[in-house]
Amino acid sequence: MAAAAGAAAGAEVLAGLREILARVTGRDQVAALAPDTPLFRDGAGLDSLTGTLLLVEVRRRFGVDVAAEDLNLDSLASLATLAAFITQHRPPS
């Protein structure tokens, strides 16, 4: 039961991230990216500005300050790593 709840939470976070990415990049096609897609450069195409906008939106929507909790920002490697980080650090609702 807990695994199913965790999977549902992860899927919800991933869907939310895709929505945020589409908004901050202005490109609807990023909403269809695979979870293992890198967020920067050739992947989702984020740069420092859109990466910052993503982090602001993540903090607003999910209550997780990624930059404060992940000093190396390893969680920004891909959609999946960011979704997992948020799911793990998200405050209980």
Protein backbone atom coordinates (compact mmCIF):
# COMPACT_ATOMS: atom_id res chain seq x y z
CA MET A 1 0.00 0.00 0.00
CA ALA A 2 2.80 2.45 0.89
CA ALA A 3 4.63 1.62 -2.35
CA ALA A 4 1.49 2.40 -4.35
CA ALA A 5 1.07 5.70 -2.51
CA GLY A 6 4.72 6.53 -3.16
CA ALA A 7 4.37 5.71 -6.85
CA ALA A 8 1.24 7.86 -7.09
CA ALA A 9 3.02 10.75 -5.36
CA GLY A 10 5.97 10.38 -7.71
CA ALA A 11 3.70 10.37 -10.75
CA GLU A 12 1.91 13.47 -9.46
CA VAL A 13 5.22 15.28 -8.95
CA LEU A 14 6.48 14.23 -12.40
CA ALA A 15 3.29 15.52 -14.03
CA GLY A 16 3.62 18.79 -12.11
CA LEU A 17 7.24 19.17 -13.18
CA ARG A 18 6.33 18.63 -16.82
CA GLU A 19 3.68 21.34 -16.52
CA ILE A 20 6.15 23.73 -14.87
CA LEU A 21 8.80 23.00 -17.52
CA ALA A 22 6.37 23.75 -20.34
CA ARG A 23 5.49 27.04 -18.70
CA VAL A 24 9.02 28.25 -17.87
CA THR A 25 10.44 27.25 -21.27
CA GLY A 26 7.43 28.36 -23.30
CA ARG A 27 7.60 25.04 -25.17
CA ASP A 28 4.64 22.67 -24.78
CA GLN A 29 6.62 19.73 -26.21
CA VAL A 30 8.76 19.48 -23.05
CA ALA A 31 5.65 18.26 -21.22
CA ALA A 32 6.06 14.96 -23.11
CA LEU A 33 9.73 14.33 -22.24
CA ALA A 34 10.76 10.98 -20.81
CA PRO A 35 11.63 10.90 -17.09
CA ASP A 36 15.32 10.21 -17.79
CA THR A 37 15.65 13.31 -19.98
CA PRO A 38 18.42 15.64 -18.78
CA LEU A 39 17.07 19.02 -17.72
CA PHE A 40 19.88 21.12 -19.14
CA ARG A 41 21.44 21.55 -22.58
CA ASP A 42 20.34 18.96 -25.15
CA GLY A 43 17.67 17.48 -22.91
CA ALA A 44 14.88 19.82 -21.81
CA GLY A 45 17.07 22.74 -22.87
CA LEU A 46 17.14 24.64 -19.58
CA ASP A 47 19.71 27.38 -19.10
CA SER A 48 20.57 29.20 -15.88
CA LEU A 49 17.56 31.53 -16.10
CA THR A 50 14.97 28.85 -16.84
CA GLY A 51 16.62 26.58 -14.26
CA THR A 52 16.16 29.30 -11.65
CA LEU A 53 12.54 29.80 -12.71
CA LEU A 54 12.00 26.04 -12.40
CA LEU A 55 13.39 26.04 -8.84
CA VAL A 56 11.18 29.00 -7.84
CA GLU A 57 8.11 27.20 -9.19
CA VAL A 58 9.10 23.93 -7.48
CA ARG A 59 9.40 25.73 -4.15
CA ARG A 60 6.05 27.46 -4.67
CA ARG A 61 4.14 24.38 -5.82
CA PHE A 62 5.73 21.57 -3.82
CA GLY A 63 7.21 23.39 -0.80
CA VAL A 64 10.73 22.08 -1.49
CA ASP A 65 13.68 24.47 -1.71
CA VAL A 66 15.93 22.33 -3.91
CA ALA A 67 18.81 24.82 -3.95
CA ALA A 68 18.91 24.96 -0.14
CA GLU A 69 18.62 21.19 0.39
CA ASP A 70 20.77 19.91 -2.50
CA LEU A 71 23.91 22.03 -2.49
CA ASN A 72 25.47 20.18 -5.45
CA LEU A 73 22.17 20.31 -7.34
CA ASP A 74 22.60 16.66 -8.34
CA SER A 75 18.83 16.37 -8.25
CA LEU A 76 18.66 18.50 -11.40
CA ALA A 77 20.26 15.81 -13.56
CA SER A 78 16.93 14.70 -15.06
CA LEU A 79 13.19 14.90 -14.64
CA ALA A 80 13.26 11.60 -12.71
CA THR A 81 15.99 12.67 -10.27
CA LEU A 82 14.22 15.96 -9.57
CA ALA A 83 10.85 14.22 -9.10
CA ALA A 84 12.42 11.71 -6.71
CA PHE A 85 14.13 14.49 -4.72
CA ILE A 86 10.89 16.45 -4.42
CA THR A 87 8.90 13.36 -3.43
CA GLN A 88 11.48 12.55 -0.75
CA HIS A 89 11.72 16.08 0.66
CA ARG A 90 8.14 17.25 0.23
CA PRO A 91 6.49 18.33 3.48
CA PRO A 92 3.50 16.19 4.49
CA SER A 93 0.19 17.61 3.33
